[in-house]
PDB file of N, CA and C in Angstrom:
ATOM      1  N   UNK A   1     -81.676  18.470 -67.172  1.00  0.00           N
ATOM      2  CA  UNK A   1     -80.275  18.393 -67.533  1.00  0.00           C
ATOM      3  C   UNK A   1     -79.535  19.579 -66.916  1.00  0.00           C
ATOM      4  N   UNK A   2     -78.322  19.320 -66.554  1.00  0.00           N
ATOM      5  CA  UNK A   2     -77.488  20.357 -65.967  1.00  0.00           C
ATOM      6  C   UNK A   2     -76.238  20.536 -66.823  1.00  0.00           C
ATOM      7  N   UNK A   3     -75.616  21.697 -66.707  1.00  0.00           N
ATOM      8  CA  UNK A   3     -74.402  21.976 -67.460  1.00  0.00           C
ATOM      9  C   UNK A   3     -73.191  21.723 -66.571  1.00  0.00           C
ATOM     10  N   UNK A   4     -72.157  21.129 -67.192  1.00  0.00           N
ATOM     11  CA  UNK A   4     -70.917  20.832 -66.491  1.00  0.00           C
ATOM     12  C   UNK A   4     -69.739  21.267 -67.343  1.00  0.00           C
ATOM     13  N   UNK A   5     -68.690  21.700 -66.673  1.00  0.00           N
ATOM     14  CA  UNK A   5     -67.437  22.014 -67.357  1.00  0.00           C
ATOM     15  C   UNK A   5     -66.511  20.825 -67.164  1.00  0.00           C
ATOM     16  N   UNK A   6     -65.910  20.398 -68.277  1.00  0.00           N
ATOM     17  CA  UNK A   6     -64.980  19.272 -68.235  1.00  0.00           C
ATOM     18  C   UNK A   6     -63.614  19.801 -67.814  1.00  0.00           C
ATOM     19  N   UNK A   7     -63.094  19.256 -66.728  1.00  0.00           N
ATOM     20  CA  UNK A   7     -61.805  19.693 -66.207  1.00  0.00           C
ATOM     21  C   UNK A   7     -60.655  18.834 -66.719  1.00  0.00           C
ATOM     22  N   UNK A   8     -60.953  17.565 -67.019  1.00  0.00           N
ATOM     23  CA  UNK A   8     -59.957  16.635 -67.559  1.00  0.00           C
ATOM     24  C   UNK A   8     -60.614  15.818 -68.666  1.00  0.00           C
ATOM     25  N   UNK A   9     -59.846  15.520 -69.698  1.00  0.00           N
ATOM     26  CA  UNK A   9     -60.348  14.737 -70.825  1.00  0.00           C
ATOM     27  C   UNK A   9     -60.714  13.328 -70.353  1.00  0.00           C
ATOM     28  N   UNK A  10     -61.901  12.862 -70.813  1.00  0.00           N
ATOM     29  CA  UNK A  10     -62.309  11.493 -70.492  1.00  0.00           C
ATOM     30  C   UNK A  10     -63.247  10.961 -71.554  1.00  0.00           C
ATOM     31  N   UNK A  11     -63.409   9.640 -71.575  1.00  0.00           N
ATOM     32  CA  UNK A  11     -64.333   8.993 -72.500  1.00  0.00           C
ATOM     33  C   UNK A  11     -65.502   8.423 -71.706  1.00  0.00           C
ATOM     34  N   UNK A  12     -66.709   8.738 -72.160  1.00  0.00           N
ATOM     35  CA  UNK A  12     -67.923   8.228 -71.524  1.00  0.00           C
ATOM     36  C   UNK A  12     -68.056   6.745 -71.844  1.00  0.00           C
ATOM     37  N   UNK A  13     -68.202   5.926 -70.818  1.00  0.00           N
ATOM     38  CA  UNK A  13     -68.266   4.483 -71.048  1.00  0.00           C
ATOM     39  C   UNK A  13     -69.577   4.041 -71.684  1.00  0.00           C
ATOM     40  N   UNK A  14     -70.619   4.854 -71.559  1.00  0.00           N
ATOM     41  CA  UNK A  14     -71.912   4.492 -72.142  1.00  0.00           C
ATOM     42  C   UNK A  14     -72.028   4.941 -73.602  1.00  0.00           C
ATOM     43  N   UNK A  15     -71.646   6.187 -73.874  1.00  0.00           N
ATOM     44  CA  UNK A  15     -71.814   6.741 -75.223  1.00  0.00           C
ATOM     45  C   UNK A  15     -70.555   6.626 -76.076  1.00  0.00           C
ATOM     46  N   UNK A  16     -69.432   6.323 -75.453  1.00  0.00           N
ATOM     47  CA  UNK A  16     -68.117   6.251 -76.112  1.00  0.00           C
ATOM     48  C   UNK A  16     -67.631   7.609 -76.617  1.00  0.00           C
ATOM     49  N   UNK A  17     -68.333   8.681 -76.232  1.00  0.00           N
ATOM     50  CA  UNK A  17     -67.902  10.030 -76.627  1.00  0.00           C
ATOM     51  C   UNK A  17     -66.710  10.458 -75.792  1.00  0.00           C
ATOM     52  N   UNK A  18     -65.811  11.194 -76.426  1.00  0.00           N
ATOM     53  CA  UNK A  18     -64.662  11.745 -75.720  1.00  0.00           C
ATOM     54  C   UNK A  18     -64.954  13.206 -75.428  1.00  0.00           C
ATOM     55  N   UNK A  19     -64.850  13.573 -74.169  1.00  0.00           N
ATOM     56  CA  UNK A  19     -65.066  14.945 -73.737  1.00  0.00           C
ATOM     57  C   UNK A  19     -63.718  15.580 -73.453  1.00  0.00           C
ATOM     58  N   UNK A  20     -63.448  16.685 -74.150  1.00  0.00           N
ATOM     59  CA  UNK A  20     -62.167  17.363 -74.006  1.00  0.00           C
ATOM     60  C   UNK A  20     -62.205  18.403 -72.896  1.00  0.00           C
ATOM     61  N   UNK A  21     -61.031  18.680 -72.380  1.00  0.00           N
ATOM     62  CA  UNK A  21     -60.864  19.656 -71.310  1.00  0.00           C
ATOM     63  C   UNK A  21     -61.384  21.033 -71.741  1.00  0.00           C
ATOM     64  N   UNK A  22     -61.948  21.762 -70.805  1.00  0.00           N
ATOM     65  CA  UNK A  22     -62.453  23.135 -70.994  1.00  0.00           C
ATOM     66  C   UNK A  22     -63.665  23.234 -71.918  1.00  0.00           C
ATOM     67  N   UNK A  23     -64.437  22.163 -72.047  1.00  0.00           N
ATOM     68  CA  UNK A  23     -65.686  22.246 -72.801  1.00  0.00           C
ATOM     69  C   UNK A  23     -66.843  22.154 -71.826  1.00  0.00           C
ATOM     70  N   UNK A  24     -67.993  22.693 -72.241  1.00  0.00           N
ATOM     71  CA  UNK A  24     -69.200  22.593 -71.420  1.00  0.00           C
ATOM     72  C   UNK A  24     -70.119  21.551 -72.042  1.00  0.00           C
ATOM     73  N   UNK A  25     -70.641  20.680 -71.207  1.00  0.00           N
ATOM     74  CA  UNK A  25     -71.528  19.621 -71.676  1.00  0.00           C
ATOM     75  C   UNK A  25     -72.784  19.606 -70.822  1.00  0.00           C
ATOM     76  N   UNK A  26     -73.832  18.991 -71.356  1.00  0.00           N
ATOM     77  CA  UNK A  26     -75.059  18.822 -70.591  1.00  0.00           C
ATOM     78  C   UNK A  26     -75.258  17.339 -70.308  1.00  0.00           C
ATOM     79  N   UNK A  27     -75.591  17.040 -69.092  1.00  0.00           N
ATOM     80  CA  UNK A  27     -75.931  15.677 -68.708  1.00  0.00           C
ATOM     81  C   UNK A  27     -76.765  15.735 -67.440  1.00  0.00           C
ATOM     82  N   UNK A  28     -77.425  14.643 -67.161  1.00  0.00           N
ATOM     83  CA  UNK A  28     -78.240  14.613 -65.951  1.00  0.00           C
ATOM     84  C   UNK A  28     -77.341  14.604 -64.722  1.00  0.00           C
ATOM     85  N   UNK A  29     -77.887  15.031 -63.628  1.00  0.00           N
ATOM     86  CA  UNK A  29     -77.138  15.031 -62.371  1.00  0.00           C
ATOM     87  C   UNK A  29     -76.776  13.591 -62.000  1.00  0.00           C
ATOM     88  N   UNK A  30     -77.694  12.675 -62.250  1.00  0.00           N
ATOM     89  CA  UNK A  30     -77.442  11.264 -61.950  1.00  0.00           C
ATOM     90  C   UNK A  30     -76.240  10.743 -62.746  1.00  0.00           C
ATOM     91  N   UNK A  31     -76.179  11.097 -64.034  1.00  0.00           N
ATOM     92  CA  UNK A  31     -75.068  10.643 -64.879  1.00  0.00           C
ATOM     93  C   UNK A  31     -73.765  11.289 -64.429  1.00  0.00           C
ATOM     94  N   UNK A  32     -73.796  12.544 -64.057  1.00  0.00           N
ATOM     95  CA  UNK A  32     -72.596  13.227 -63.571  1.00  0.00           C
ATOM     96  C   UNK A  32     -72.103  12.586 -62.278  1.00  0.00           C
ATOM     97  N   UNK A  33     -73.031  12.156 -61.437  1.00  0.00           N
ATOM     98  CA  UNK A  33     -72.647  11.445 -60.212  1.00  0.00           C
ATOM     99  C   UNK A  33     -71.958  10.125 -60.542  1.00  0.00           C
ATOM    100  N   UNK A  34     -72.429   9.437 -61.587  1.00  0.00           N
ATOM    101  CA  UNK A  34     -71.790   8.184 -62.019  1.00  0.00           C
ATOM    102  C   UNK A  34     -70.362   8.445 -62.488  1.00  0.00           C
ATOM    103  N   UNK A  35     -70.174   9.519 -63.247  1.00  0.00           N
ATOM    104  CA  UNK A  35     -68.831   9.872 -63.717  1.00  0.00           C
ATOM    105  C   UNK A  35     -67.923  10.135 -62.524  1.00  0.00           C
ATOM    106  N   UNK A  36     -68.415  10.870 -61.555  1.00  0.00           N
ATOM    107  CA  UNK A  36     -67.620  11.178 -60.366  1.00  0.00           C
ATOM    108  C   UNK A  36     -67.284   9.922 -59.574  1.00  0.00           C
ATOM    109  N   UNK A  37     -68.230   8.983 -59.538  1.00  0.00           N
ATOM    110  CA  UNK A  37     -67.995   7.739 -58.811  1.00  0.00           C
ATOM    111  C   UNK A  37     -66.984   6.855 -59.546  1.00  0.00           C
ATOM    112  N   UNK A  38     -67.153   6.737 -60.869  1.00  0.00           N
ATOM    113  CA  UNK A  38     -66.278   5.859 -61.652  1.00  0.00           C
ATOM    114  C   UNK A  38     -64.882   6.430 -61.846  1.00  0.00           C
ATOM    115  N   UNK A  39     -64.769   7.722 -61.994  1.00  0.00           N
ATOM    116  CA  UNK A  39     -63.461   8.357 -62.162  1.00  0.00           C
ATOM    117  C   UNK A  39     -63.095   8.995 -60.828  1.00  0.00           C
ATOM    118  N   UNK A  40     -63.363  10.256 -60.693  1.00  0.00           N
ATOM    119  CA  UNK A  40     -63.296  10.960 -59.410  1.00  0.00           C
ATOM    120  C   UNK A  40     -63.877  12.354 -59.603  1.00  0.00           C
ATOM    121  N   UNK A  41     -63.905  13.140 -58.557  1.00  0.00           N
ATOM    122  CA  UNK A  41     -64.544  14.457 -58.602  1.00  0.00           C
ATOM    123  C   UNK A  41     -63.756  15.501 -59.392  1.00  0.00           C
ATOM    124  N   UNK A  42     -62.579  15.154 -59.872  1.00  0.00           N
ATOM    125  CA  UNK A  42     -61.740  16.151 -60.535  1.00  0.00           C
ATOM    126  C   UNK A  42     -61.989  16.246 -62.046  1.00  0.00           C
ATOM    127  N   UNK A  43     -62.974  15.525 -62.572  1.00  0.00           N
ATOM    128  CA  UNK A  43     -63.225  15.531 -64.013  1.00  0.00           C
ATOM    129  C   UNK A  43     -64.324  16.507 -64.435  1.00  0.00           C
ATOM    130  N   UNK A  44     -65.299  16.729 -63.583  1.00  0.00           N
ATOM    131  CA  UNK A  44     -66.420  17.598 -63.916  1.00  0.00           C
ATOM    132  C   UNK A  44     -66.691  18.583 -62.788  1.00  0.00           C
ATOM    133  N   UNK A  45     -67.161  19.762 -63.173  1.00  0.00           N
ATOM    134  CA  UNK A  45     -67.649  20.720 -62.192  1.00  0.00           C
ATOM    135  C   UNK A  45     -68.935  21.313 -62.754  1.00  0.00           C
ATOM    136  N   UNK A  46     -69.933  21.428 -61.912  1.00  0.00           N
ATOM    137  CA  UNK A  46     -71.221  21.957 -62.366  1.00  0.00           C
ATOM    138  C   UNK A  46     -71.125  23.452 -62.605  1.00  0.00           C
ATOM    139  N   UNK A  47     -71.695  23.887 -63.714  1.00  0.00           N
ATOM    140  CA  UNK A  47     -71.697  25.302 -64.085  1.00  0.00           C
ATOM    141  C   UNK A  47     -73.026  25.887 -63.649  1.00  0.00           C
ATOM    142  N   UNK A  48     -72.961  26.970 -62.913  1.00  0.00           N
ATOM    143  CA  UNK A  48     -74.185  27.647 -62.488  1.00  0.00           C
ATOM    144  C   UNK A  48     -74.771  28.362 -63.687  1.00  0.00           C
ATOM    145  N   UNK A  49     -76.039  28.118 -63.953  1.00  0.00           N
ATOM    146  CA  UNK A  49     -76.706  28.781 -65.059  1.00  0.00           C
ATOM    147  C   UNK A  49     -77.087  30.183 -64.633  1.00  0.00           C
ATOM    148  N   UNK A  50     -76.871  31.136 -65.535  1.00  0.00           N
ATOM    149  CA  UNK A  50     -77.190  32.528 -65.244  1.00  0.00           C
ATOM    150  C   UNK A  50     -78.694  32.701 -65.265  1.00  0.00           C
ATOM    151  N   UNK A  51     -79.213  33.288 -64.192  1.00  0.00           N
ATOM    152  CA  UNK A  51     -80.647  33.552 -64.114  1.00  0.00           C
ATOM    153  C   UNK A  51     -80.859  35.047 -64.261  1.00  0.00           C
ATOM    154  N   UNK A  52     -81.894  35.393 -64.995  1.00  0.00           N
ATOM    155  CA  UNK A  52     -82.173  36.808 -65.202  1.00  0.00           C
ATOM    156  C   UNK A  52     -82.702  37.439 -63.923  1.00  0.00           C
ATOM    157  N   UNK A  53     -82.376  38.689 -63.757  1.00  0.00           N
ATOM    158  CA  UNK A  53     -82.864  39.457 -62.632  1.00  0.00           C
ATOM    159  C   UNK A  53     -84.356  39.699 -62.824  1.00  0.00           C
ATOM    160  N   UNK A  54     -85.190  39.273 -61.891  1.00  0.00           N
ATOM    161  CA  UNK A  54     -86.630  39.436 -62.066  1.00  0.00           C
ATOM    162  C   UNK A  54     -87.064  40.897 -62.199  1.00  0.00           C
ATOM    163  N   UNK A  55     -86.224  41.832 -61.797  1.00  0.00           N
ATOM    164  CA  UNK A  55     -86.556  43.238 -61.892  1.00  0.00           C
ATOM    165  C   UNK A  55     -86.388  43.807 -63.293  1.00  0.00           C
ATOM    166  N   UNK A  56     -85.672  43.093 -64.152  1.00  0.00           N
ATOM    167  CA  UNK A  56     -85.490  43.584 -65.520  1.00  0.00           C
ATOM    168  C   UNK A  56     -86.555  42.997 -66.418  1.00  0.00           C
ATOM    169  N   UNK A  57     -87.035  43.813 -67.323  1.00  0.00           N
ATOM    170  CA  UNK A  57     -88.068  43.370 -68.250  1.00  0.00           C
ATOM    171  C   UNK A  57     -87.451  43.023 -69.585  1.00  0.00           C
ATOM    172  N   UNK A  58     -87.915  41.925 -70.154  1.00  0.00           N
ATOM    173  CA  UNK A  58     -87.486  41.555 -71.493  1.00  0.00           C
ATOM    174  C   UNK A  58     -88.309  42.340 -72.500  1.00  0.00           C
ATOM    175  N   UNK A  59     -87.728  42.634 -73.638  1.00  0.00           N
ATOM    176  CA  UNK A  59     -88.470  43.264 -74.723  1.00  0.00           C
ATOM    177  C   UNK A  59     -89.304  42.184 -75.386  1.00  0.00           C
ATOM    178  N   UNK A  60     -90.592  42.264 -75.181  1.00  0.00           N
ATOM    179  CA  UNK A  60     -91.464  41.218 -75.714  1.00  0.00           C
ATOM    180  C   UNK A  60     -92.142  41.640 -77.007  1.00  0.00           C
ATOM    181  N   UNK A  61     -91.744  42.776 -77.566  1.00  0.00           N
ATOM    182  CA  UNK A  61     -92.275  43.204 -78.850  1.00  0.00           C
ATOM    183  C   UNK A  61     -93.594  43.943 -78.768  1.00  0.00           C
ATOM    184  N   UNK A  62     -94.107  44.245 -77.578  1.00  0.00           N
ATOM    185  CA  UNK A  62     -95.394  44.935 -77.451  1.00  0.00           C
ATOM    186  C   UNK A  62     -95.332  46.339 -78.037  1.00  0.00           C
ATOM    187  N   UNK A  63     -94.218  47.034 -77.813  1.00  0.00           N
ATOM    188  CA  UNK A  63     -94.095  48.391 -78.336  1.00  0.00           C
ATOM    189  C   UNK A  63     -94.118  48.373 -79.864  1.00  0.00           C
ATOM    190  N   UNK A  64     -93.439  47.409 -80.454  1.00  0.00           N
ATOM    191  CA  UNK A  64     -93.393  47.305 -81.911  1.00  0.00           C
ATOM    192  C   UNK A  64     -94.786  47.062 -82.472  1.00  0.00           C
ATOM    193  N   UNK A  65     -95.575  46.211 -81.828  1.00  0.00           N
ATOM    194  CA  UNK A  65     -96.935  45.934 -82.275  1.00  0.00           C
ATOM    195  C   UNK A  65     -97.796  47.189 -82.198  1.00  0.00           C
ATOM    196  N   UNK A  66     -97.614  47.988 -81.147  1.00  0.00           N
ATOM    197  CA  UNK A  66     -98.384  49.216 -81.008  1.00  0.00           C
ATOM    198  C   UNK A  66     -98.021  50.203 -82.109  1.00  0.00           C
ATOM    199  N   UNK A  67     -96.725  50.282 -82.450  1.00  0.00           N
ATOM    200  CA  UNK A  67     -96.294  51.174 -83.518  1.00  0.00           C
ATOM    201  C   UNK A  67     -96.918  50.788 -84.840  1.00  0.00           C
ATOM    202  N   UNK A  68     -97.001  49.487 -85.124  1.00  0.00           N
ATOM    203  CA  UNK A  68     -97.598  49.025 -86.376  1.00  0.00           C
ATOM    204  C   UNK A  68     -99.071  49.387 -86.434  1.00  0.00           C
ATOM    205  N   UNK A  69     -99.782  49.297 -85.313  1.00  0.00           N
ATOM    206  CA  UNK A  69    -101.192  49.650 -85.288  1.00  0.00           C
ATOM    207  C   UNK A  69    -101.376  51.131 -85.581  1.00  0.00           C
ATOM    208  N   UNK A  70    -100.494  51.952 -85.064  1.00  0.00           N
ATOM    209  CA  UNK A  70    -100.597  53.387 -85.287  1.00  0.00           C
ATOM    210  C   UNK A  70    -100.356  53.735 -86.755  1.00  0.00           C
ATOM    211  N   UNK A  71     -99.459  53.018 -87.421  1.00  0.00           N
ATOM    212  CA  UNK A  71     -99.157  53.290 -88.813  1.00  0.00           C
ATOM    213  C   UNK A  71    -100.321  52.891 -89.719  1.00  0.00           C
ATOM    214  N   UNK A  72    -101.056  51.867 -89.338  1.00  0.00           N
ATOM    215  CA  UNK A  72    -102.156  51.374 -90.147  1.00  0.00           C
ATOM    216  C   UNK A  72    -103.299  52.384 -90.177  1.00  0.00           C
ATOM    217  N   UNK A  73    -103.545  53.067 -89.096  1.00  0.00           N
ATOM    218  CA  UNK A  73    -104.685  54.007 -89.006  1.00  0.00           C
ATOM    219  C   UNK A  73    -104.566  55.116 -89.942  1.00  0.00           C
TER     220      UNK A  73
END
């Protein structure tokens, strides 16, 4: 699934859901292509997902586990 920003309000013909302007929705690329074909390209724009910098480390809790072991001794 990919994320898209709704640029113009529209109703999905399959789900009957109404998507309002300036909201982010998830749908398959294939479904987004159908929307673009049935309406036009001005209704949706794909949102680039933010990817983490591989050089930064996430805090995975290892330090906290080590601290707990030290307190137990």
